[in-house]
Amino acid sequence: MTLSRPKLLLLLTFIMSLVFAVWQALLNNFVVEAASFTGKEIGMLQSLREVPGFLAFTAVLVLLVVKEQRFALFSLLLMCAGVAATGWFPTVIGLYATTVLMSIGFHYFETCNQSLTLQWLPKEQAPQFLGQSLAYKSAGALLGYGSIWLLMTALGLDYLWVYTLIGSAGMLMVIALWWRIPLFEQTQMQQKKLILRKRYSLYYLLTFLSGARRQIFMVFAAFMMVEKFGYSVSEITALFLINYVFNLLFAKKIGALIGKFGERRALTIEYVGLIIVFISYALVEHPVAAAALYVIDHLFFALAIAIKTYFQKIADSEEIAATASVSFTINHIAAVVIPALLGLVWLQSPAMVFYVGAAIAVCSLMAALSLPRVAAPGLETRWGPLFAK
């Protein structure tokens, strides 16, 4: 089978999204119905899920002995195995264990995928390709949601068999790619050690804040739909469908616009919008209004690819893999703490959780305003090489 580097990345993204979307869409209903989760348990589960992301810096050590392309494939295979096992352990401890297994594969794959994308794609093509990648991700998720409808609604299968069938299908697709796709030569030898650069400080800050904001959306916005407004599996799936249809139709165009107008403008629009959305989450009392906010919130995710393209412009090419693994760890510092901590806050005041999200969005906006109009090595901020020394 002849396949280009970009096409391989797109196919892997499609498989990841297909399998992960099923895990995510069923999760809140499954844990409530099977293990009687409250905000405390879901917060702990999501914190445990992010621990492998916090340890993503160890990817550099694995790359000492394993080629990055092979490591990406193995990681995706492990993620699919974790999803396939989820339905077989419907207890608090069982769900914690299968979630960690799935998460190890997911986070190592995402680390490698980001690294390979920035290595293999020219800088002028990266924004549009990252938008195209979001479209493939959306297509995979849409197929996953369609599979949920077919298996649960049309065929009447329960959670156990949906998780098993979709996870196993993902494993088979990864094995097929592993078997048929040759190992591509590296275009640039990568540093095989941990790297922290002062001149990447603004990128690290944006990455950290992005991880904190994303957790509030993924954990508590979705959980609010089930706990506060009583949304069913089919209704939650419908919200996801709306979100991913938008990405499928417009993500590639958004990527192209980021390439044209620049990262600072894109991120400014994203964070101003998020401040409004999080405050609205705290005040919303109607289920339809909450659903609208959930969709609007998700729309801003496409703009977040500007953080990656900003890094590609300022980074030394041989440091991309090492920095990608470190940035994933930075992204998950807040992600490990926030779900468990805010899970306890949720028990007292769900609105306060979303006010915290608004405060994080304000900090993100301040950081985004420090981006230069055109980023480059030595011009990492609009103030010049502020962090270079």
Protein backbone atom coordinates (compact mmCIF):
# COMPACT_ATOMS: atom_id res chain seq x y z
CA MET A 1 0.00 0.00 0.00
CA THR A 2 1.37 3.39 -1.03
CA LEU A 3 0.51 6.12 1.42
CA SER A 4 2.05 9.54 2.01
CA ARG A 5 3.09 10.79 5.44
CA PRO A 6 0.18 13.26 5.69
CA LYS A 7 -2.37 10.59 4.68
CA LEU A 8 -1.02 8.22 7.33
CA LEU A 9 -1.43 10.92 9.98
CA LEU A 10 -4.99 11.59 8.83
CA LEU A 11 -5.94 7.89 8.94
CA LEU A 12 -4.50 7.48 12.43
CA THR A 13 -6.39 10.57 13.58
CA PHE A 14 -9.59 9.12 12.09
CA ILE A 15 -9.18 5.81 13.98
CA MET A 16 -8.33 7.56 17.25
CA SER A 17 -11.36 9.81 16.98
CA LEU A 18 -13.73 6.97 16.08
CA VAL A 19 -12.79 4.90 19.12
CA PHE A 20 -12.36 7.77 21.59
CA ALA A 21 -15.67 9.37 20.57
CA VAL A 22 -17.57 6.22 21.51
CA TRP A 23 -15.76 6.02 24.87
CA GLN A 24 -16.46 9.68 25.58
CA ALA A 25 -20.08 9.79 24.40
CA LEU A 26 -21.13 6.82 26.54
CA LEU A 27 -18.98 7.60 29.58
CA ASN A 28 -21.18 9.90 31.67
CA ASN A 29 -24.30 7.78 31.29
CA PHE A 30 -22.37 4.52 31.74
CA VAL A 31 -20.65 5.53 34.98
CA VAL A 32 -23.87 6.89 36.48
CA GLU A 33 -25.94 3.83 35.52
CA ALA A 34 -23.33 1.13 36.14
CA ALA A 35 -21.37 2.48 39.11
CA SER A 36 -23.56 5.29 40.56
CA PHE A 37 -20.91 7.97 40.02
CA THR A 38 -21.33 11.44 41.55
CA GLY A 39 -19.27 14.57 40.83
CA LYS A 40 -16.63 13.25 43.23
CA GLU A 41 -16.05 9.96 41.35
CA ILE A 42 -16.23 11.48 37.86
CA GLY A 43 -13.73 14.13 38.91
CA MET A 44 -11.34 11.48 40.23
CA LEU A 45 -11.74 9.36 37.09
CA GLN A 46 -10.93 12.32 34.87
CA SER A 47 -7.93 13.24 37.00
CA LEU A 48 -6.63 9.67 36.72
CA ARG A 49 -7.24 9.83 32.98
CA GLU A 50 -4.92 12.81 32.75
CA VAL A 51 -2.04 11.32 34.76
CA PRO A 52 -0.57 9.62 31.63
CA GLY A 53 -0.74 13.00 29.90
CA PHE A 54 1.22 14.50 32.77
CA LEU A 55 3.85 11.77 32.21
CA ALA A 56 4.01 12.36 28.44
CA PHE A 57 7.58 13.68 28.78
CA THR A 58 8.67 10.03 29.15
CA ALA A 59 7.93 9.61 25.43
CA VAL A 60 11.42 11.00 24.82
CA LEU A 61 12.90 8.05 26.71
CA VAL A 62 10.89 5.55 24.68
CA LEU A 63 12.08 7.18 21.45
CA LEU A 64 15.64 6.23 22.40
CA VAL A 65 14.80 2.65 21.42
CA VAL A 66 11.61 2.88 19.30
CA LYS A 67 11.00 4.79 16.08
CA GLU A 68 8.43 7.53 16.54
CA GLN A 69 6.11 6.23 13.81
CA ARG A 70 6.04 2.75 15.39
CA PHE A 71 5.50 4.21 18.83
CA ALA A 72 2.49 6.16 17.53
CA LEU A 73 0.94 2.98 16.13
CA PHE A 74 1.57 0.98 19.31
CA SER A 75 0.11 3.75 21.45
CA LEU A 76 -3.06 3.89 19.37
CA LEU A 77 -3.36 0.10 19.60
CA LEU A 78 -3.13 0.34 23.40
CA MET A 79 -5.81 3.02 23.50
CA CYS A 80 -8.21 0.85 21.49
CA ALA A 81 -7.55 -2.08 23.83
CA GLY A 82 -8.45 0.06 26.84
CA VAL A 83 -11.76 1.08 25.25
CA ALA A 84 -12.56 -2.55 24.33
CA ALA A 85 -12.08 -3.53 27.99
CA THR A 86 -14.17 -0.70 29.49
CA GLY A 87 -17.55 -2.42 29.52
CA TRP A 88 -16.20 -5.55 31.22
CA PHE A 89 -15.38 -3.77 34.49
CA PRO A 90 -18.48 -1.75 35.56
CA THR A 91 -17.22 -0.81 39.02
CA VAL A 92 -15.51 2.28 40.38
CA ILE A 93 -12.09 0.62 40.56
CA GLY A 94 -12.60 -1.22 37.26
CA LEU A 95 -13.50 1.98 35.45
CA TYR A 96 -10.52 3.77 36.94
CA ALA A 97 -8.22 0.96 35.70
CA THR A 98 -9.56 0.73 32.13
CA THR A 99 -9.57 4.52 31.86
CA VAL A 100 -5.88 4.71 32.79
CA LEU A 101 -5.03 1.97 30.24
CA MET A 102 -6.94 3.80 27.51
CA SER A 103 -5.36 7.09 28.52
CA ILE A 104 -1.78 5.83 28.38
CA GLY A 105 -2.28 4.91 24.73
CA PHE A 106 -4.24 8.06 23.93
CA HIS A 107 -1.72 10.53 25.35
CA TYR A 108 1.37 8.87 23.93
CA PHE A 109 -0.36 8.75 20.54
CA GLU A 110 -1.32 12.41 20.70
CA THR A 111 2.24 13.34 21.66
CA CYS A 112 3.70 11.45 18.69
CA ASN A 113 0.98 12.65 16.33
CA GLN A 114 1.62 16.31 17.14
CA SER A 115 5.37 15.83 16.85
CA LEU A 116 5.21 14.00 13.50
CA THR A 117 2.76 16.56 12.10
CA LEU A 118 5.05 19.48 12.87
CA GLN A 119 8.07 17.56 11.57
CA TRP A 120 6.53 16.31 8.34
CA LEU A 121 4.53 19.39 7.27
CA PRO A 122 6.08 22.60 5.90
CA LYS A 123 5.26 25.67 8.00
CA GLU A 124 3.18 27.28 5.27
CA GLN A 125 1.00 24.14 4.96
CA ALA A 126 0.64 23.31 8.67
CA PRO A 127 -2.40 25.50 9.56
CA GLN A 128 -4.50 24.15 6.68
CA PHE A 129 -3.39 20.56 7.34
CA LEU A 130 -4.23 20.86 11.05
CA GLY A 131 -7.66 22.08 10.02
CA GLN A 132 -7.97 19.11 7.67
CA SER A 133 -6.90 16.85 10.52
CA LEU A 134 -9.75 18.24 12.64
CA ALA A 135 -12.11 17.42 9.77
CA TYR A 136 -10.88 13.79 9.72
CA LYS A 137 -11.24 13.72 13.49
CA SER A 138 -14.81 14.89 13.11
CA ALA A 139 -15.54 12.28 10.44
CA GLY A 140 -14.24 9.55 12.77
CA ALA A 141 -16.36 10.86 15.63
CA LEU A 142 -19.45 11.01 13.43
CA LEU A 143 -18.94 7.39 12.44
CA GLY A 144 -18.54 6.55 16.13
CA TYR A 145 -21.80 8.26 17.03
CA GLY A 146 -23.55 6.56 14.13
CA SER A 147 -22.20 3.27 15.45
CA ILE A 148 -23.68 4.02 18.87
CA TRP A 149 -27.09 4.58 17.31
CA LEU A 150 -26.87 1.42 15.20
CA LEU A 151 -25.61 -0.84 17.98
CA MET A 152 -27.68 0.49 20.89
CA THR A 153 -30.85 1.79 19.29
CA ALA A 154 -31.30 -0.37 16.20
CA LEU A 155 -29.71 -3.60 17.46
CA GLY A 156 -30.38 -3.17 21.17
CA LEU A 157 -26.86 -3.95 22.38
CA ASP A 158 -25.76 -2.72 25.79
CA TYR A 159 -22.67 -0.73 26.82
CA LEU A 160 -20.51 -3.85 27.16
CA TRP A 161 -20.80 -4.87 23.52
CA VAL A 162 -20.59 -1.36 22.11
CA TYR A 163 -17.28 -0.73 23.89
CA THR A 164 -15.99 -4.19 22.94
CA LEU A 165 -16.92 -4.02 19.25
CA ILE A 166 -15.69 -0.47 18.61
CA GLY A 167 -12.45 -0.94 20.57
CA SER A 168 -11.72 -4.21 18.76
CA ALA A 169 -12.47 -2.66 15.35
CA GLY A 170 -9.96 0.11 16.13
CA MET A 171 -7.33 -2.48 17.08
CA LEU A 172 -7.82 -4.34 13.79
CA MET A 173 -7.45 -1.13 11.74
CA VAL A 174 -4.24 -0.16 13.54
CA ILE A 175 -2.77 -3.65 13.05
CA ALA A 176 -3.59 -3.44 9.33
CA LEU A 177 -1.78 -0.11 9.00
CA TRP A 178 1.18 -1.39 10.99
CA TRP A 179 1.44 -4.40 8.68
CA ARG A 180 0.98 -2.58 5.37
CA ILE A 181 2.61 0.85 5.79
CA PRO A 182 6.40 1.14 5.50
CA LEU A 183 8.50 2.97 8.05
CA PHE A 184 9.17 6.49 6.75
CA GLU A 185 12.63 7.97 7.04
CA GLN A 186 12.98 10.84 9.48
CA THR A 187 13.36 14.20 7.75
CA GLN A 188 15.23 15.70 10.71
CA MET A 189 17.07 13.87 13.50
CA GLN A 190 15.40 14.69 16.79
CA GLN A 191 16.90 15.45 20.17
CA LYS A 192 16.46 12.45 22.48
CA LYS A 193 16.52 14.37 25.75
CA LEU A 194 14.18 16.58 27.75
CA ILE A 195 14.27 20.19 26.56
CA LEU A 196 13.01 23.33 28.28
CA ARG A 197 13.81 26.64 26.59
CA LYS A 198 13.16 30.06 28.09
CA ARG A 199 12.28 31.37 24.68
CA TYR A 200 9.39 28.86 24.51
CA SER A 201 7.91 30.25 27.74
CA LEU A 202 4.87 31.88 26.14
CA TYR A 203 4.09 28.63 24.31
CA TYR A 204 4.34 26.72 27.59
CA LEU A 205 1.98 29.20 29.27
CA LEU A 206 -0.61 28.98 26.50
CA THR A 207 -0.39 25.19 26.60
CA PHE A 208 -0.86 25.08 30.38
CA LEU A 209 -3.91 27.34 30.30
CA SER A 210 -5.37 25.44 27.36
CA GLY A 211 -5.18 22.20 29.35
CA ALA A 212 -6.98 23.77 32.30
CA ARG A 213 -9.78 25.20 30.16
CA ARG A 214 -10.25 21.99 28.19
CA GLN A 215 -10.74 19.92 31.32
CA ILE A 216 -13.57 22.11 32.56
CA PHE A 217 -15.32 21.72 29.21
CA MET A 218 -14.74 17.98 28.84
CA VAL A 219 -15.51 17.00 32.43
CA PHE A 220 -18.01 19.42 33.91
CA ALA A 221 -19.88 20.87 30.92
CA ALA A 222 -20.75 17.36 29.72
CA PHE A 223 -21.50 16.13 33.25
CA MET A 224 -23.84 19.09 33.79
CA MET A 225 -25.91 17.95 30.81
CA VAL A 226 -26.53 14.57 32.43
CA GLU A 227 -26.74 15.44 36.13
CA LYS A 228 -28.51 18.83 36.03
CA PHE A 229 -30.60 18.58 32.86
CA GLY A 230 -31.09 14.81 32.58
CA TYR A 231 -29.80 14.40 29.03
CA SER A 232 -29.95 10.82 27.71
CA VAL A 233 -27.26 8.98 25.72
CA SER A 234 -29.03 9.83 22.46
CA GLU A 235 -29.31 13.52 23.38
CA ILE A 236 -25.65 13.76 24.41
CA THR A 237 -24.70 12.00 21.18
CA ALA A 238 -26.78 14.49 19.21
CA LEU A 239 -24.81 17.37 20.76
CA PHE A 240 -21.54 15.70 19.80
CA LEU A 241 -22.88 15.18 16.28
CA ILE A 242 -23.64 18.88 15.89
CA ASN A 243 -20.16 19.77 17.13
CA TYR A 244 -18.35 17.44 14.79
CA VAL A 245 -20.46 18.26 11.73
CA PHE A 246 -19.26 21.84 12.13
CA ASN A 247 -15.62 20.73 12.30
CA LEU A 248 -16.08 18.43 9.32
CA LEU A 249 -17.46 21.27 7.22
CA PHE A 250 -15.36 24.22 8.37
CA ALA A 251 -12.21 23.13 10.25
CA LYS A 252 -9.98 23.06 7.16
CA LYS A 253 -11.14 26.57 6.21
CA ILE A 254 -10.53 27.80 9.75
CA GLY A 255 -6.99 26.41 9.57
CA ALA A 256 -6.42 28.28 6.33
CA LEU A 257 -7.75 31.50 7.90
CA ILE A 258 -5.38 31.12 10.85
CA GLY A 259 -2.53 30.83 8.36
CA LYS A 260 -3.72 34.01 6.68
CA PHE A 261 -4.62 36.22 9.67
CA GLY A 262 -2.18 34.94 12.30
CA GLU A 263 -2.23 33.22 15.64
CA ARG A 264 -2.73 36.30 17.81
CA ARG A 265 -6.05 37.26 16.23
CA ALA A 266 -7.33 33.68 16.25
CA LEU A 267 -6.56 33.11 19.92
CA THR A 268 -7.92 36.51 20.94
CA ILE A 269 -11.27 35.66 19.34
CA GLU A 270 -11.26 32.25 21.04
CA TYR A 271 -10.58 33.51 24.55
CA VAL A 272 -13.00 36.45 24.44
CA GLY A 273 -15.69 34.01 23.38
CA LEU A 274 -14.78 31.57 26.14
CA ILE A 275 -15.07 34.20 28.86
CA ILE A 276 -18.66 34.80 27.78
CA VAL A 277 -19.44 31.08 27.46
CA PHE A 278 -18.12 30.10 30.90
CA ILE A 279 -20.02 32.89 32.66
CA SER A 280 -23.14 31.79 30.80
CA TYR A 281 -22.60 28.18 31.94
CA ALA A 282 -22.66 29.36 35.54
CA LEU A 283 -26.01 31.11 35.06
CA VAL A 284 -27.87 28.81 32.66
CA GLU A 285 -31.10 27.18 33.88
CA HIS A 286 -32.73 25.97 30.65
CA PRO A 287 -31.60 22.70 29.01
CA VAL A 288 -31.83 24.07 25.45
CA ALA A 289 -29.76 27.12 26.37
CA ALA A 290 -27.19 24.83 28.02
CA ALA A 291 -27.01 22.73 24.87
CA ALA A 292 -26.47 25.85 22.75
CA LEU A 293 -23.61 26.94 25.02
CA TYR A 294 -22.08 23.47 24.78
CA VAL A 295 -22.06 23.65 20.99
CA ILE A 296 -20.69 27.22 20.93
CA ASP A 297 -17.96 26.20 23.40
CA HIS A 298 -16.86 23.37 21.15
CA LEU A 299 -16.71 25.63 18.10
CA PHE A 300 -13.78 27.49 19.62
CA PHE A 301 -11.63 24.33 19.71
CA ALA A 302 -10.76 24.70 16.03
CA LEU A 303 -9.04 28.02 16.78
CA ALA A 304 -6.76 26.35 19.33
CA ILE A 305 -4.60 24.88 16.55
CA ALA A 306 -3.03 28.36 16.45
CA ILE A 307 -1.00 27.37 19.53
CA LYS A 308 0.60 24.51 17.57
CA THR A 309 1.37 26.60 14.50
CA TYR A 310 2.86 29.31 16.72
CA PHE A 311 5.22 26.75 18.23
CA GLN A 312 6.20 25.39 14.81
CA LYS A 313 7.22 28.91 13.76
CA ILE A 314 9.46 29.58 16.76
CA ALA A 315 10.92 26.09 17.31
CA ASP A 316 14.21 24.62 16.18
CA SER A 317 13.27 21.70 13.91
CA GLU A 318 15.37 19.13 15.78
CA GLU A 319 13.63 19.97 19.07
CA ILE A 320 10.04 19.36 17.98
CA ALA A 321 9.67 15.78 19.31
CA ALA A 322 11.26 16.52 22.67
CA THR A 323 9.32 19.74 23.15
CA ALA A 324 6.05 18.09 22.10
CA SER A 325 6.42 15.55 24.90
CA VAL A 326 7.27 18.25 27.45
CA SER A 327 4.37 20.43 26.29
CA PHE A 328 1.93 17.56 26.79
CA THR A 329 3.15 17.25 30.35
CA ILE A 330 2.71 21.00 30.88
CA ASN A 331 -0.76 20.80 29.34
CA HIS A 332 -1.71 18.15 31.87
CA ILE A 333 -0.34 19.72 35.06
CA ALA A 334 -3.65 21.50 35.53
CA ALA A 335 -5.56 18.61 33.95
CA VAL A 336 -4.45 16.21 36.69
CA VAL A 337 -5.46 18.55 39.51
CA ILE A 338 -8.53 20.37 38.20
CA PRO A 339 -11.06 17.52 37.76
CA ALA A 340 -10.55 16.12 41.27
CA LEU A 341 -10.34 19.54 42.94
CA LEU A 342 -13.28 21.07 41.07
CA GLY A 343 -15.21 17.84 41.54
CA LEU A 344 -15.31 18.70 45.23
CA VAL A 345 -16.23 22.32 44.44
CA TRP A 346 -19.02 20.98 42.21
CA LEU A 347 -20.68 19.32 45.20
CA GLN A 348 -21.04 22.74 46.84
CA SER A 349 -21.51 25.06 43.84
CA PRO A 350 -21.52 23.94 40.18
CA ALA A 351 -21.62 27.60 39.11
CA MET A 352 -18.29 28.28 40.84
CA VAL A 353 -16.61 25.68 38.62
CA PHE A 354 -17.54 27.69 35.55
CA TYR A 355 -16.50 31.01 37.09
CA VAL A 356 -13.07 29.42 37.56
CA GLY A 357 -13.18 28.57 33.85
CA ALA A 358 -13.92 32.21 33.00
CA ALA A 359 -10.93 33.33 35.09
CA ILE A 360 -8.68 30.89 33.21
CA ALA A 361 -9.99 32.28 29.91
CA VAL A 362 -9.08 35.82 31.04
CA CYS A 363 -5.50 34.68 31.78
CA SER A 364 -5.37 32.99 28.37
CA LEU A 365 -6.47 36.19 26.66
CA MET A 366 -3.71 38.17 28.36
CA ALA A 367 -1.15 35.61 27.18
CA ALA A 368 -2.52 35.60 23.63
CA LEU A 369 -2.19 39.36 23.38
CA SER A 370 1.57 38.93 23.89
CA LEU A 371 1.93 36.97 20.63
CA PRO A 372 3.79 38.72 17.81
CA ARG A 373 2.05 39.45 14.53
CA VAL A 374 4.49 37.14 12.75
CA ALA A 375 6.30 34.67 15.02
CA ALA A 376 9.84 33.44 14.33
CA PRO A 377 12.92 32.29 16.27
CA GLY A 378 14.08 35.33 18.23
CA LEU A 379 10.63 36.92 17.92
CA GLU A 380 8.61 34.73 20.28
CA THR A 381 6.56 37.62 21.71
CA ARG A 382 5.39 40.97 20.40
CA TRP A 383 7.92 42.51 22.81
CA GLY A 384 10.82 40.85 20.98
CA PRO A 385 13.08 38.10 22.39
CA LEU A 386 11.77 38.62 25.93
CA PHE A 387 12.44 35.05 27.02
CA ALA A 388 15.50 34.32 24.91
CA LYS A 389 18.13 35.04 27.53
